[in-house]
Amino acid sequence: MTKQPLNRRSFLAGTSALLAAPAILHSSRAYAATPTLKVGHVSPRTGPLAGFAEADDYVLEAIQTAFSGGIENNGKAWNIEIISKDSQSNPNRAAEVAADLILGDEVDIIVAASTPDTVNPVSDQAEINEVPCITTDCPWQPYFFGRNGVPGQGFASTYHFFWGLEDVIGAFLDMWDKSGVAKKVGGLFPNDADGNAWGHPELGLPKPLAAAGYDLLDPGRYQPLTDDFSNYINAFKDAGCEIVTGNMIPPDFGTFWSQAAQQGFNPKVVTIGKALLFPSVIESLGDRGNGLSSEVWWSPNHPFNSSLTGASAAELANGYTAASGRPWTQPIGFKHALFEVVADVIARAEDLEDPEAIVSAIAATNVETIVGPVNWANGPINNVTKTPLVAGQWQKEGDAFDLKIVANSSAPHIPLTGELALL
């Protein structure tokens, strides 16, 4: 006989000592004066992806304040309890804490952000256990195809909002076309979910770059946290690459960029996803951080407001800087938007005691958030909807670096704030 995977329903149903407990808890919560709905949250507080979670405390504190009066659903106020756990930047740990939230804390909704290493294992646990799940901050192809999603079929309980590889490619080409440099590009793609998606011959960068007249040299996948990029650097030098692109974690880019200087490799444009998103990484590179470029998913200049607090993108970013003394980071907007969507779903769900009703409310979402519209009716594929994307370059102003938006063809409503300068 085929063994079925354990999910929360079978776990509870198969535990004789607790057989009556779910019904009792369900009933008591339904009739409580102010019932509580639990939201689980997973992000990489520690480890090499910790930059994505740098602002978690600030965002979650503001969300708890916004939720302090409860959320009304069908004429009844619900308390919202957020339980946040650290994935430690490890996919296995992300799956483990997601299972803890689902089976131990018995959360009603689970949310996650920060690359496929966090998003995918959390989503997989939610799907197995039939728990409503909302995620962001991972290109949709690694999310969907990295989880073996089938177009036209999709997933039952898990939904995602972010941009896709087609958008980041478009933003990069928009920026590179303005540079006037040779269309020879060196690719740095790690052997992980992101790297394999970005470098995929059909779904990643190779085909659209070739169609735009760019020659991409991809020497093959490297192992994350490698300590030697000499073979890549030599290949790029031999091919005359004036542009370097890819998707890397910050330690890997730091190693590559240091060795490039030591070995006399001086590209004119360096555009790297993931690693170059954070001001802390750019600052750590000193003067060699000046002029590096990346995608820009969110900034203080984005013309959006929170549906939850009314704050503008600038107010949210500046609030973080005032509270922490640190520069704003791009994930701030998307972490906030996760809970905007949660609040909207909670308010609209026909029955908060029914996971299927919550999933139906997620699927029917149409809300203007601080990162732009979130509406799964408009997605490129099942369970996915997209947010706008532009491209930017870190430029030093005095003693500080500022991320200037230098290419916005795909989202002209997001204003340019600078012009691309060659390295």
Foldseek 3Di string as FASTA:
>chain_A
DDDADDAQVCVQCVPVVNNCVVVVVLVCQVPDLAHEAEEEEEEACAALQNLLCPCVVVLVVVLQVLCVVAADAPRGGYRYHYHYDHQNLALVSLLVVLLCCCNPVVHQEYEYEGECSNQQSNQVNCQSHVHAYEYEHYAVCLNQVVNVHDFVPGTQHYFYEAHHQVQQLVQVCLQVVVVPDAQEEEEAAAPDSQRCQQPPCPRHDPPVSVVVVHHYDYPDHDHAPDQDPPVSLVVCVVVVHQEYEYEHRQVVVVNVLVVCVVVVNFHFAYEYPHNLQDQVSLVVVPPSSAQYKYKAQADQQQQAAAPSPRHASVRQQVVSCVVPVGGGTRSSQVVNVVVSLVSQLNHHFPDSSDSSSSSVSSQQDFDQHNRGTDHNVCPPGHSYRYGHMHMWTWHDDVNGTDTFGAGHVVPVSRDGGDHRGID
